[in-house]
């Protein structure tokens, strides 16, 4: 069973974009392993709260201009 786990900053994608990411990831897995994996491919899109992750010893806060307008 292929499994993809995306961890994205909170509010970086809207619902339609998440759905598209799931579909495209499933298609990617099928392109590698064949149709046999489609029913068992799991894609998890997790949103991480501001301050909940960092890079190069710096805590990341998502700028407002990059947030999805809800």
Protein backbone atom coordinates (compact mmCIF):
# COMPACT_ATOMS: atom_id res chain seq x y z
CA UNK A 1 0.00 0.00 0.00
CA UNK A 2 1.65 3.28 -1.08
CA UNK A 3 1.40 6.05 1.50
CA UNK A 4 2.17 9.75 1.02
CA UNK A 5 2.12 12.20 3.93
CA UNK A 6 2.20 15.92 3.23
CA UNK A 7 2.74 18.33 6.11
CA UNK A 8 1.84 21.84 5.02
CA UNK A 9 1.56 25.17 6.81
CA UNK A 10 -1.95 25.82 8.09
CA UNK A 11 -4.19 27.56 5.51
CA UNK A 12 -1.71 27.13 2.65
CA UNK A 13 -4.20 25.17 0.50
CA UNK A 14 -7.96 25.33 0.14
CA UNK A 15 -10.16 22.21 0.01
CA UNK A 16 -10.10 22.01 -3.80
CA UNK A 17 -6.30 22.25 -3.87
CA UNK A 18 -5.99 19.48 -1.27
CA UNK A 19 -8.31 17.30 -3.32
CA UNK A 20 -6.22 17.97 -6.42
CA UNK A 21 -3.03 17.10 -4.53
CA UNK A 22 -4.58 13.81 -3.41
CA UNK A 23 -5.68 12.92 -6.95
CA UNK A 24 -2.30 13.83 -8.47
CA UNK A 25 -0.39 11.90 -5.81
CA UNK A 26 -2.57 8.84 -6.42
CA UNK A 27 -1.92 9.12 -10.15
CA UNK A 28 1.82 9.36 -9.47
CA UNK A 29 1.76 6.17 -7.43
CA UNK A 30 -0.28 4.40 -10.12
CA UNK A 31 2.23 5.54 -12.77
CA UNK A 32 5.01 3.80 -10.81
CA UNK A 33 3.27 0.69 -9.52
CA UNK A 34 0.27 0.18 -11.81
CA UNK A 35 -3.48 0.22 -11.32
CA UNK A 36 -3.22 -2.49 -8.69
CA UNK A 37 -2.25 0.13 -6.06
CA UNK A 38 -5.06 2.65 -6.72
CA UNK A 39 -7.51 1.11 -4.20
CA UNK A 40 -4.91 0.97 -1.44
CA UNK A 41 -3.06 4.26 -2.00
CA UNK A 42 -3.30 6.48 1.08
CA UNK A 43 -2.62 10.22 0.90
CA UNK A 44 -2.66 12.25 4.10
CA UNK A 45 -2.57 16.06 3.99
CA UNK A 46 -1.79 17.48 7.42
CA UNK A 47 -1.86 21.14 8.35
CA UNK A 48 0.73 22.28 10.86
CA UNK A 49 -0.06 25.30 13.06
CA UNK A 50 2.16 28.36 12.90
CA UNK A 51 5.16 27.89 15.12
CA UNK A 52 4.83 24.11 14.91
CA UNK A 53 7.76 23.58 12.57
CA UNK A 54 11.01 25.15 11.55
CA UNK A 55 13.96 25.04 9.22
CA UNK A 56 17.61 25.79 9.85
CA UNK A 57 16.94 26.43 13.55
CA UNK A 58 14.26 29.03 12.75
CA UNK A 59 10.58 28.69 13.71
CA UNK A 60 8.33 29.24 10.70
CA UNK A 61 5.30 31.58 10.73
CA UNK A 62 3.38 31.70 7.45
CA UNK A 63 3.06 35.25 6.05
CA UNK A 64 -0.57 36.37 5.58
CA UNK A 65 -0.11 36.96 1.84
CA UNK A 66 0.51 33.22 1.34
CA UNK A 67 -2.56 32.06 3.27
CA UNK A 68 -5.65 30.81 1.48
CA UNK A 69 -8.45 33.36 1.56
CA UNK A 70 -11.43 31.67 3.23
